[in-house]
N, C-alpha and C. Protein backbone atom coordinates (compact mmCIF):
# COMPACT_ATOMS: atom_id res chain seq x y z
N MET A 1 -74.86 -4.87 -70.64
CA MET A 1 -73.65 -4.27 -70.24
C MET A 1 -73.35 -3.92 -68.86
N GLY A 2 -72.18 -4.59 -68.69
CA GLY A 2 -71.91 -4.35 -67.24
C GLY A 2 -70.96 -2.91 -67.19
N VAL A 3 -70.91 -2.43 -65.97
CA VAL A 3 -70.30 -1.26 -65.54
C VAL A 3 -69.11 -1.68 -64.91
N VAL A 4 -67.94 -1.06 -65.26
CA VAL A 4 -66.75 -1.39 -64.32
C VAL A 4 -66.32 -0.16 -63.69
N ILE A 5 -66.25 -0.09 -62.59
CA ILE A 5 -65.89 1.10 -61.95
C ILE A 5 -64.20 1.13 -61.26
N VAL A 6 -63.67 2.00 -61.71
CA VAL A 6 -62.00 1.69 -61.27
C VAL A 6 -61.95 2.87 -60.35
N MET A 7 -61.36 2.48 -59.13
CA MET A 7 -61.22 3.38 -58.13
C MET A 7 -59.76 3.63 -57.80
N ASN A 8 -59.23 4.63 -57.65
CA ASN A 8 -57.80 4.90 -57.34
C ASN A 8 -57.63 5.37 -55.89
N ILE A 9 -57.32 4.88 -55.09
CA ILE A 9 -57.37 5.20 -53.75
C ILE A 9 -56.02 5.65 -53.43
N THR A 10 -55.68 6.80 -52.90
CA THR A 10 -54.53 7.41 -52.51
C THR A 10 -54.58 8.00 -51.30
N SER A 11 -53.63 8.02 -50.26
CA SER A 11 -53.77 8.41 -48.92
C SER A 11 -52.56 9.54 -48.87
N SER A 12 -53.04 10.43 -48.05
CA SER A 12 -52.05 11.53 -47.68
C SER A 12 -51.10 11.13 -46.61
N GLN A 13 -51.38 10.02 -45.79
CA GLN A 13 -50.52 9.64 -44.63
C GLN A 13 -49.62 8.74 -45.02
N LYS A 14 -48.57 8.83 -44.60
CA LYS A 14 -47.35 7.78 -44.87
C LYS A 14 -47.45 6.83 -43.68
N PHE A 15 -47.24 5.65 -44.03
CA PHE A 15 -47.06 4.41 -42.87
C PHE A 15 -45.76 4.53 -42.26
N PRO A 16 -45.91 4.25 -40.94
CA PRO A 16 -44.47 4.29 -40.29
C PRO A 16 -43.64 3.17 -40.93
N LYS A 17 -41.96 3.47 -40.58
CA LYS A 17 -41.27 2.38 -41.10
C LYS A 17 -41.32 1.43 -40.02
N ALA A 18 -40.86 0.15 -40.43
CA ALA A 18 -40.95 -1.07 -39.75
C ALA A 18 -39.97 -0.87 -38.39
N LYS A 19 -38.83 -0.27 -38.71
CA LYS A 19 -37.76 -0.30 -37.45
C LYS A 19 -38.09 1.01 -36.60
N SER A 20 -37.84 0.69 -35.25
CA SER A 20 -38.31 1.71 -34.40
C SER A 20 -36.92 2.32 -33.76
N ASP A 21 -36.97 3.34 -32.95
CA ASP A 21 -35.80 4.02 -32.49
C ASP A 21 -35.29 3.45 -31.23
N SER A 22 -35.73 2.14 -30.76
CA SER A 22 -35.33 1.39 -29.40
C SER A 22 -34.32 0.49 -30.27
N PHE A 23 -33.45 -0.05 -28.95
CA PHE A 23 -32.51 -0.88 -29.28
C PHE A 23 -32.83 -2.36 -29.37
N THR A 24 -32.23 -3.20 -30.12
CA THR A 24 -32.67 -4.61 -30.35
C THR A 24 -31.96 -5.38 -29.08
N LEU A 25 -32.21 -6.60 -28.74
CA LEU A 25 -31.80 -7.33 -27.82
C LEU A 25 -30.15 -7.64 -28.17
N VAL A 26 -29.93 -8.14 -29.40
CA VAL A 26 -28.65 -8.24 -29.81
C VAL A 26 -27.77 -7.08 -29.48
N GLU A 27 -28.11 -6.00 -29.97
CA GLU A 27 -27.23 -4.51 -29.61
C GLU A 27 -27.07 -4.52 -28.04
N LEU A 28 -28.01 -4.77 -27.22
CA LEU A 28 -27.80 -4.65 -25.89
C LEU A 28 -26.81 -5.52 -25.38
N LEU A 29 -26.90 -6.84 -25.80
CA LEU A 29 -25.98 -7.76 -25.31
C LEU A 29 -24.66 -7.48 -25.83
N VAL A 30 -24.39 -6.87 -26.98
CA VAL A 30 -23.17 -6.70 -27.42
C VAL A 30 -22.76 -5.53 -26.64
N VAL A 31 -23.26 -4.74 -26.16
CA VAL A 31 -22.72 -3.43 -25.40
C VAL A 31 -22.44 -3.96 -24.05
N ILE A 32 -23.25 -4.93 -23.33
CA ILE A 32 -23.10 -5.30 -22.05
C ILE A 32 -21.91 -6.30 -22.16
N SER A 33 -21.46 -6.92 -23.17
CA SER A 33 -20.48 -7.93 -23.22
C SER A 33 -19.05 -6.99 -23.27
N ILE A 34 -18.99 -5.95 -24.11
CA ILE A 34 -17.96 -4.89 -24.31
C ILE A 34 -17.57 -4.35 -22.64
N ILE A 35 -18.85 -4.07 -22.20
CA ILE A 35 -18.37 -3.41 -20.73
C ILE A 35 -17.79 -4.36 -19.71
N GLY A 36 -18.31 -5.63 -19.86
CA GLY A 36 -17.69 -6.64 -18.97
C GLY A 36 -16.41 -6.92 -19.39
N LEU A 37 -15.88 -6.79 -20.70
CA LEU A 37 -14.69 -7.25 -21.16
C LEU A 37 -13.69 -6.16 -20.74
N LEU A 38 -14.17 -4.86 -20.83
CA LEU A 38 -13.28 -3.67 -20.35
C LEU A 38 -13.05 -3.72 -18.65
N ALA A 39 -14.15 -3.87 -18.17
CA ALA A 39 -14.02 -4.24 -16.69
C ALA A 39 -13.16 -5.46 -16.19
N GLY A 40 -13.15 -6.46 -16.98
CA GLY A 40 -12.38 -7.50 -16.43
C GLY A 40 -10.82 -7.31 -16.75
N LEU A 41 -10.51 -6.37 -17.93
CA LEU A 41 -9.08 -6.03 -18.11
C LEU A 41 -8.62 -4.76 -17.22
N GLY A 42 -9.69 -4.14 -16.56
CA GLY A 42 -9.19 -2.93 -15.83
C GLY A 42 -9.07 -3.47 -14.10
N LEU A 43 -9.48 -4.45 -13.70
CA LEU A 43 -9.53 -4.90 -12.44
C LEU A 43 -7.98 -5.37 -11.99
N PRO A 44 -7.50 -5.96 -12.70
CA PRO A 44 -5.86 -6.54 -12.34
C PRO A 44 -5.25 -5.15 -12.28
N ALA A 45 -5.34 -4.31 -13.21
CA ALA A 45 -4.48 -2.99 -13.04
C ALA A 45 -4.79 -2.24 -11.81
N ILE A 46 -6.08 -2.07 -11.69
CA ILE A 46 -6.49 -1.40 -10.33
C ILE A 46 -5.91 -2.00 -8.99
N ASN A 47 -6.07 -3.31 -8.90
CA ASN A 47 -5.37 -4.21 -7.99
C ASN A 47 -3.75 -3.91 -7.75
N GLY A 48 -3.16 -3.89 -8.81
CA GLY A 48 -1.81 -3.63 -9.04
C GLY A 48 -1.37 -2.19 -8.36
N ALA A 49 -2.30 -1.29 -8.68
CA ALA A 49 -2.06 0.16 -8.38
C ALA A 49 -2.13 0.12 -6.86
N ILE A 50 -3.29 -0.72 -6.46
CA ILE A 50 -3.68 -0.50 -4.81
C ILE A 50 -2.22 -1.21 -4.06
N GLN A 51 -1.82 -2.35 -4.57
CA GLN A 51 -0.77 -2.98 -3.79
C GLN A 51 0.64 -1.98 -4.03
N ALA A 52 0.80 -1.37 -5.28
CA ALA A 52 1.83 -0.48 -5.14
C ALA A 52 1.71 0.96 -4.14
N GLY A 53 0.45 1.19 -4.10
CA GLY A 53 0.30 2.26 -3.14
C GLY A 53 0.53 1.69 -1.61
N LYS A 54 0.24 0.69 -1.26
CA LYS A 54 0.44 0.13 0.08
C LYS A 54 1.85 0.00 0.27
N ARG A 55 2.58 -0.40 -0.77
CA ARG A 55 4.04 -0.69 -0.54
C ARG A 55 4.61 0.76 -0.46
N ALA A 56 4.20 1.78 -1.17
CA ALA A 56 4.72 3.41 -1.11
C ALA A 56 4.49 3.83 0.43
N GLU A 57 3.34 3.36 0.71
CA GLU A 57 3.03 3.92 2.25
C GLU A 57 3.87 3.32 3.26
N VAL A 58 4.18 1.96 3.21
CA VAL A 58 4.90 1.22 4.16
C VAL A 58 6.53 1.82 4.12
N ALA A 59 6.87 2.13 2.62
CA ALA A 59 8.42 2.59 2.40
C ALA A 59 8.31 4.03 3.24
N ALA A 60 7.47 4.64 3.12
CA ALA A 60 7.34 6.28 3.74
C ALA A 60 7.36 6.05 5.07
N MET A 61 6.73 5.11 5.73
CA MET A 61 6.81 4.81 7.21
C MET A 61 8.22 4.36 7.63
N ALA A 62 8.81 3.61 6.78
CA ALA A 62 10.16 2.98 7.02
C ALA A 62 11.13 4.10 7.19
N GLU A 63 11.08 5.14 6.24
CA GLU A 63 11.76 6.16 6.20
C GLU A 63 11.58 7.21 7.26
N SER A 64 10.43 7.36 7.63
CA SER A 64 9.95 8.19 9.03
C SER A 64 10.82 7.36 10.13
N ILE A 65 10.89 6.15 10.33
CA ILE A 65 11.34 5.44 11.50
C ILE A 65 12.96 5.82 11.21
N LYS A 66 13.57 5.68 10.08
CA LYS A 66 15.09 5.84 10.02
C LYS A 66 15.29 7.24 10.42
N THR A 67 14.53 8.17 10.04
CA THR A 67 14.77 9.61 10.41
C THR A 67 14.89 9.79 11.81
N ALA A 68 13.48 9.15 12.54
CA ALA A 68 13.52 9.26 13.98
C ALA A 68 14.81 8.75 14.72
N VAL A 69 15.37 7.39 14.31
CA VAL A 69 16.55 6.80 14.79
C VAL A 69 17.57 7.83 14.47
N ASN A 70 17.76 8.34 13.46
CA ASN A 70 19.00 9.45 13.26
C ASN A 70 18.78 10.63 14.04
N ALA A 71 17.54 11.15 14.21
CA ALA A 71 17.25 12.30 15.28
C ALA A 71 17.68 11.96 16.49
N PHE A 72 17.50 10.74 16.89
CA PHE A 72 17.70 10.32 18.42
C PHE A 72 19.22 10.19 18.48
N TYR A 73 19.96 9.85 17.44
CA TYR A 73 21.39 9.75 17.51
C TYR A 73 21.89 11.19 17.60
N ALA A 74 21.45 12.21 16.77
CA ALA A 74 21.74 13.48 16.76
C ALA A 74 21.60 14.19 18.31
N GLU A 75 20.55 13.76 18.87
CA GLU A 75 20.24 14.45 20.10
C GLU A 75 21.05 13.84 21.35
N TYR A 76 21.06 12.63 21.19
CA TYR A 76 21.90 11.86 22.57
C TYR A 76 23.34 11.23 21.88
N SER A 77 23.85 11.32 20.89
CA SER A 77 25.01 10.82 20.42
C SER A 77 25.11 9.41 20.62
N GLN A 78 24.12 8.61 20.60
CA GLN A 78 24.10 7.03 20.55
C GLN A 78 22.70 6.76 20.02
N TYR A 79 22.91 5.61 19.45
CA TYR A 79 21.51 5.12 18.93
C TYR A 79 20.72 4.40 19.90
N PRO A 80 19.49 4.38 19.75
CA PRO A 80 18.66 3.65 20.65
C PRO A 80 18.93 2.19 20.65
N THR A 81 18.81 1.50 21.80
CA THR A 81 18.91 0.21 21.84
C THR A 81 17.67 -0.61 21.38
N ASN A 82 17.76 -1.53 20.66
CA ASN A 82 16.44 -2.23 20.23
C ASN A 82 17.06 -3.53 19.95
N ASN A 83 16.04 -4.55 19.73
CA ASN A 83 16.05 -5.98 19.23
C ASN A 83 16.08 -6.25 17.86
N GLY A 84 16.17 -5.16 17.12
CA GLY A 84 16.10 -5.68 15.69
C GLY A 84 14.82 -5.24 15.16
N LYS A 85 13.78 -5.00 15.80
CA LYS A 85 12.44 -4.67 15.44
C LYS A 85 11.74 -3.72 16.15
N THR A 86 10.61 -3.10 15.43
CA THR A 86 9.88 -2.00 16.03
C THR A 86 8.79 -2.54 17.02
N ASP A 87 9.08 -3.32 17.93
CA ASP A 87 8.16 -3.52 18.86
C ASP A 87 7.57 -2.59 20.03
N LEU A 88 6.87 -3.03 20.92
CA LEU A 88 6.01 -2.07 21.59
C LEU A 88 7.09 -1.21 22.43
N ASN A 89 8.27 -1.85 22.94
CA ASN A 89 9.44 -0.77 23.59
C ASN A 89 9.91 -0.01 22.60
N PHE A 90 10.12 -0.34 21.40
CA PHE A 90 10.72 0.81 20.42
C PHE A 90 9.75 1.89 20.17
N LEU A 91 8.54 1.35 20.18
CA LEU A 91 7.49 2.43 19.73
C LEU A 91 7.46 3.36 21.13
N THR A 92 7.51 2.77 22.17
CA THR A 92 7.14 3.80 23.33
C THR A 92 8.41 4.75 23.38
N LEU A 93 9.65 4.09 22.91
CA LEU A 93 10.86 4.88 23.18
C LEU A 93 10.91 6.20 22.19
N MET A 94 10.24 5.90 20.91
CA MET A 94 10.35 6.88 19.91
C MET A 94 9.19 7.93 19.93
N THR A 95 8.03 7.68 20.54
CA THR A 95 6.94 8.34 20.30
C THR A 95 6.32 9.23 21.71
N THR A 96 7.12 8.46 22.82
CA THR A 96 6.66 9.28 23.97
C THR A 96 7.45 10.37 24.57
N THR A 97 6.85 11.27 25.35
CA THR A 97 7.62 12.44 25.76
C THR A 97 7.71 12.24 27.48
N ASN A 98 7.65 10.71 27.81
CA ASN A 98 7.70 10.34 29.15
C ASN A 98 9.12 9.73 29.33
N SER A 99 9.87 10.06 30.20
CA SER A 99 11.36 9.78 30.07
C SER A 99 11.50 8.63 31.30
N THR A 100 10.51 7.79 31.75
CA THR A 100 10.64 6.82 32.61
C THR A 100 10.47 5.42 31.87
N GLY A 101 10.58 4.20 32.86
CA GLY A 101 10.26 3.19 32.28
C GLY A 101 11.16 2.77 31.22
N THR A 102 10.37 2.04 30.09
CA THR A 102 10.96 1.85 28.68
C THR A 102 11.69 2.92 28.09
N SER A 103 10.97 4.26 28.42
CA SER A 103 11.72 5.32 27.67
C SER A 103 12.88 5.99 28.43
N ALA A 104 13.40 5.13 29.25
CA ALA A 104 14.64 6.07 30.07
C ALA A 104 15.84 6.31 29.39
N GLN A 105 15.93 5.79 28.18
CA GLN A 105 17.17 6.24 27.38
C GLN A 105 16.71 7.73 26.73
N ASN A 106 15.55 7.94 26.65
CA ASN A 106 15.06 9.39 26.01
C ASN A 106 14.90 10.31 27.41
N THR A 107 15.93 10.69 28.07
CA THR A 107 15.68 11.47 29.19
C THR A 107 15.35 12.76 29.03
N ARG A 108 15.31 13.28 27.88
CA ARG A 108 14.57 14.58 27.63
C ARG A 108 13.36 14.76 27.16
N GLY A 109 12.70 13.39 26.89
CA GLY A 109 11.47 13.27 26.65
C GLY A 109 10.99 13.63 25.46
N ILE A 110 11.67 13.47 24.33
CA ILE A 110 11.59 13.96 23.02
C ILE A 110 10.39 12.94 22.37
N ALA A 111 9.58 13.53 21.72
CA ALA A 111 8.76 12.47 20.67
C ALA A 111 9.52 12.71 19.40
N PHE A 112 10.23 11.64 19.09
CA PHE A 112 10.95 11.64 17.86
C PHE A 112 10.31 11.16 16.62
N LEU A 113 8.95 10.43 16.80
CA LEU A 113 8.30 9.76 15.53
C LEU A 113 6.70 10.20 16.17
N GLU A 114 6.03 10.46 14.87
CA GLU A 114 4.58 10.46 15.15
C GLU A 114 3.97 9.30 14.20
N VAL A 115 3.03 8.46 14.92
CA VAL A 115 2.81 7.10 14.22
C VAL A 115 1.29 7.42 14.02
N PRO A 116 0.74 7.24 12.63
CA PRO A 116 -0.51 7.02 12.39
C PRO A 116 -1.16 5.97 13.31
N PRO A 117 -2.41 5.84 13.67
CA PRO A 117 -3.04 4.68 14.13
C PRO A 117 -2.91 3.37 13.47
N ARG A 118 -2.99 3.31 12.01
CA ARG A 118 -2.95 2.18 11.38
C ARG A 118 -1.72 1.47 11.43
N PHE A 119 -0.81 2.01 11.86
CA PHE A 119 0.78 1.46 11.91
C PHE A 119 1.19 1.13 13.35
N THR A 120 -0.12 1.20 14.31
CA THR A 120 0.35 0.64 15.77
C THR A 120 -0.64 -0.61 16.22
N ASN A 121 -0.07 -1.31 16.82
CA ASN A 121 -0.72 -2.70 17.55
C ASN A 121 -0.45 -2.70 19.05
N ALA A 122 -1.52 -2.78 19.81
CA ALA A 122 -1.28 -2.83 21.28
C ALA A 122 -0.24 -3.90 21.71
N THR A 123 -0.07 -4.93 21.08
CA THR A 123 0.86 -6.01 21.52
C THR A 123 1.85 -5.97 20.71
N LEU A 124 1.92 -5.73 19.50
CA LEU A 124 3.46 -5.80 18.64
C LEU A 124 4.10 -4.48 18.58
N GLY A 125 3.33 -3.41 18.66
CA GLY A 125 4.08 -2.20 18.72
C GLY A 125 3.79 -1.38 17.47
N LEU A 126 4.86 -1.21 16.59
CA LEU A 126 5.06 -0.17 15.36
C LEU A 126 4.98 -1.41 14.21
N VAL A 127 3.91 -1.53 13.43
CA VAL A 127 3.70 -2.60 12.51
C VAL A 127 3.21 -1.86 11.05
N THR A 128 3.00 -3.06 10.27
CA THR A 128 2.70 -2.63 8.79
C THR A 128 1.22 -2.40 9.04
N PRO A 129 0.55 -1.82 8.15
CA PRO A 129 -0.80 -1.58 8.25
C PRO A 129 -1.57 -2.89 7.98
N SER A 130 -2.66 -3.14 8.41
CA SER A 130 -3.65 -4.16 8.16
C SER A 130 -3.90 -4.21 6.60
N GLY A 131 -3.79 -5.28 6.08
CA GLY A 131 -3.97 -5.42 4.60
C GLY A 131 -2.73 -5.50 3.70
N PHE A 132 -1.51 -5.17 4.39
CA PHE A 132 -0.13 -5.13 3.69
C PHE A 132 0.25 -6.39 3.33
N LEU A 133 0.11 -7.32 4.38
CA LEU A 133 0.30 -8.87 4.36
C LEU A 133 -0.88 -9.69 3.87
N LYS A 134 -0.72 -11.01 3.70
CA LYS A 134 -1.97 -11.72 3.37
C LYS A 134 -2.69 -11.85 4.79
N ASN A 135 -3.97 -12.06 4.81
CA ASN A 135 -4.84 -12.51 5.67
C ASN A 135 -4.89 -11.28 6.78
N LYS A 136 -4.76 -10.13 6.29
CA LYS A 136 -4.55 -8.75 7.19
C LYS A 136 -3.59 -8.96 8.23
N ALA A 137 -2.72 -9.82 8.25
CA ALA A 137 -1.53 -9.97 9.23
C ALA A 137 -0.89 -8.80 9.46
N GLN A 138 -0.29 -8.61 10.48
CA GLN A 138 0.72 -7.26 10.82
C GLN A 138 1.95 -7.88 10.95
N SER A 139 3.11 -7.21 10.59
CA SER A 139 4.54 -7.54 11.09
C SER A 139 5.17 -6.08 11.32
N ASN A 140 6.02 -6.45 12.44
CA ASN A 140 7.01 -5.28 12.65
C ASN A 140 7.92 -5.15 11.48
N PHE A 141 8.39 -3.67 11.45
CA PHE A 141 9.68 -3.20 10.72
C PHE A 141 10.71 -3.98 11.48
N LEU A 142 11.79 -4.10 10.65
CA LEU A 142 13.14 -4.36 10.93
C LEU A 142 14.07 -3.25 10.97
N VAL A 143 14.78 -3.25 11.99
CA VAL A 143 15.55 -1.98 12.21
C VAL A 143 17.12 -2.61 12.45
N LEU A 144 18.04 -2.21 11.42
CA LEU A 144 19.38 -2.55 11.65
C LEU A 144 20.22 -1.29 11.82
N ILE A 145 21.08 -1.22 12.78
CA ILE A 145 21.88 -0.12 13.05
C ILE A 145 23.31 -0.44 12.97
N ASP A 146 24.12 0.23 12.25
CA ASP A 146 25.64 0.15 12.24
C ASP A 146 26.19 0.79 13.61
N THR A 147 26.17 -0.16 14.56
CA THR A 147 26.75 0.52 15.94
C THR A 147 28.42 0.29 15.86
N GLN A 148 28.96 -0.50 14.84
CA GLN A 148 30.38 -0.72 14.89
C GLN A 148 31.00 0.39 13.77
N GLY A 149 30.42 1.29 13.35
CA GLY A 149 30.96 2.37 12.51
C GLY A 149 31.53 1.87 11.24
N LEU A 150 30.85 0.68 10.41
CA LEU A 150 31.55 0.01 9.60
C LEU A 150 31.11 0.85 8.17
N GLY A 151 29.96 1.57 8.19
CA GLY A 151 29.50 2.33 7.18
C GLY A 151 28.48 1.59 6.40
N PHE A 152 28.23 0.51 6.68
CA PHE A 152 27.12 -0.18 6.01
C PHE A 152 26.33 -1.42 7.17
N VAL A 153 25.16 -1.75 6.74
CA VAL A 153 24.62 -2.91 7.37
C VAL A 153 24.22 -3.94 6.58
N ASN A 154 23.98 -5.10 7.05
CA ASN A 154 23.69 -6.38 6.23
C ASN A 154 22.27 -6.87 6.60
N PRO A 155 21.16 -6.54 5.83
CA PRO A 155 19.96 -6.95 6.23
C PRO A 155 19.73 -8.53 6.00
N LYS A 156 20.45 -9.05 5.04
CA LYS A 156 20.18 -10.56 4.92
C LYS A 156 20.71 -11.37 6.18
N SER A 157 21.37 -10.64 7.09
CA SER A 157 21.70 -11.24 8.39
C SER A 157 20.67 -11.54 9.28
N VAL A 158 19.56 -10.82 9.05
CA VAL A 158 18.40 -10.85 10.12
C VAL A 158 17.10 -11.26 9.49
N SER A 159 16.97 -11.25 8.06
CA SER A 159 15.98 -11.42 7.34
C SER A 159 16.02 -12.47 6.06
N SER A 160 14.87 -12.39 5.40
CA SER A 160 15.12 -13.39 4.09
C SER A 160 15.27 -12.51 2.87
N VAL A 161 15.70 -11.04 3.13
CA VAL A 161 15.92 -10.33 1.80
C VAL A 161 17.23 -10.72 1.23
N THR A 162 17.66 -10.50 0.14
CA THR A 162 18.81 -10.78 -0.61
C THR A 162 19.91 -9.73 -0.66
N ASN A 163 19.40 -8.56 0.02
CA ASN A 163 20.45 -7.42 0.13
C ASN A 163 21.47 -7.61 1.04
N THR A 164 22.69 -7.32 0.86
CA THR A 164 23.86 -7.40 1.75
C THR A 164 24.66 -6.18 1.53
N ASN A 165 25.16 -5.76 2.74
CA ASN A 165 26.09 -4.42 2.76
C ASN A 165 25.51 -3.21 2.18
N VAL A 166 24.39 -2.80 2.86
CA VAL A 166 23.63 -1.79 2.52
C VAL A 166 24.62 -0.41 2.99
N PRO A 167 24.97 0.60 1.98
CA PRO A 167 25.65 1.60 2.68
C PRO A 167 24.93 2.53 3.54
N SER A 168 24.56 2.36 4.55
CA SER A 168 23.75 3.15 5.64
C SER A 168 24.02 2.88 6.89
N SER A 169 23.97 3.99 7.81
CA SER A 169 24.16 3.45 9.26
C SER A 169 22.88 3.19 10.06
N VAL A 170 21.74 3.33 9.30
CA VAL A 170 20.41 2.83 9.78
C VAL A 170 19.69 2.21 8.51
N ALA A 171 19.12 1.01 8.66
CA ALA A 171 18.17 0.54 7.51
C ALA A 171 16.92 0.08 8.11
N VAL A 172 15.90 0.35 7.66
CA VAL A 172 14.48 -0.04 8.06
C VAL A 172 13.82 -0.70 7.19
N TRP A 173 13.17 -1.82 7.28
CA TRP A 173 12.27 -2.26 6.13
C TRP A 173 11.48 -3.40 6.63
N VAL A 174 10.46 -3.95 5.81
CA VAL A 174 9.74 -5.08 5.76
C VAL A 174 10.10 -5.96 4.77
N VAL A 175 9.69 -7.13 4.99
CA VAL A 175 9.90 -8.12 3.58
C VAL A 175 8.64 -8.07 2.78
N ASP A 176 9.02 -7.85 1.46
CA ASP A 176 7.82 -7.70 0.53
C ASP A 176 7.29 -9.04 0.58
N PRO A 177 5.89 -8.88 0.66
CA PRO A 177 4.96 -9.97 0.56
C PRO A 177 4.71 -10.81 -0.32
N MET A 178 5.00 -9.84 -1.54
CA MET A 178 4.91 -10.71 -3.04
C MET A 178 6.01 -11.54 -3.36
N THR A 179 7.29 -11.01 -2.74
CA THR A 179 8.36 -11.83 -3.27
C THR A 179 9.15 -12.79 -2.11
N ASN A 180 9.16 -12.36 -0.89
CA ASN A 180 9.78 -12.76 0.36
C ASN A 180 11.21 -12.59 0.14
N THR A 181 11.78 -12.09 -0.70
CA THR A 181 13.25 -11.82 -0.86
C THR A 181 13.59 -10.32 -0.83
N LYS A 182 12.56 -9.29 -1.22
CA LYS A 182 12.81 -8.01 -1.53
C LYS A 182 12.55 -7.47 -0.14
N ALA A 183 13.05 -6.12 -0.10
CA ALA A 183 12.68 -5.32 1.16
C ALA A 183 11.70 -4.20 0.68
N VAL A 184 10.79 -3.85 1.50
CA VAL A 184 10.14 -2.59 1.10
C VAL A 184 10.61 -1.76 2.33
N GLY A 185 11.40 -0.65 2.03
CA GLY A 185 11.81 0.23 3.08
C GLY A 185 12.76 1.41 2.63
N THR A 186 13.88 1.50 3.71
CA THR A 186 14.68 2.51 3.21
C THR A 186 15.89 2.20 2.08
N PHE A 187 15.88 0.98 1.45
CA PHE A 187 16.75 0.60 0.64
C PHE A 187 16.01 -0.46 -0.38
N LYS A 188 16.77 -0.62 -1.55
CA LYS A 188 15.93 -1.44 -2.56
C LYS A 188 16.52 -2.80 -2.61
C-alpha cells in the first residue's frame, strides 16, 4: 500500500502586484506632446504681446516729442524749425541746455525733452529703438507742424500712412512696420 501525502502550503506573505508606481513610456510621451502643443500655441501670443509693447513704447515716445514741441512753442511763441524728422539737429535742439550752434533757437537753454539711450543714435538723432523695425534697423520719427494755423496736418503728404487732415497742431509718428500704411504715434 502506498502512502499519499497531501501538503497544503500557504504563505502569510502576499506577492507584489505586477504594476509598479512608475510612469510608462507611453504616458511620458503623451505628457511631453501635450506640453509641446501648449508651448506651440503660446509662442505666437507672446510674440504678439511683445510687438504690441514695442508699438506702445514708440507711441509714448512720439507723445513725449509732441509735448516737447508744444512746450517749445509755449516758451518761445514759435515752433522749432525742423526738416520733418527727428534728426540730430532736432535732438540737440530739444534736449540740450546749450543755446549755441544747432540750438541757437533755444536761447534760454531749456531741455524740453529727456530721451532714453535706446531712442538715440549718434548719426541719425532721435530714432525708434533697435528691434522695432526689421533687421534691428532704426528710423527717425516724423514731425509735422501746422505752421499756417489751419488746425490740422496732413501726414500722408510726407509718408506712406493713409491718414489725412489730422486735427492737431503737431503730429509725431513712425510708419508701422507691420502694415506700412498705419502710423504709430500721436494719432491713429
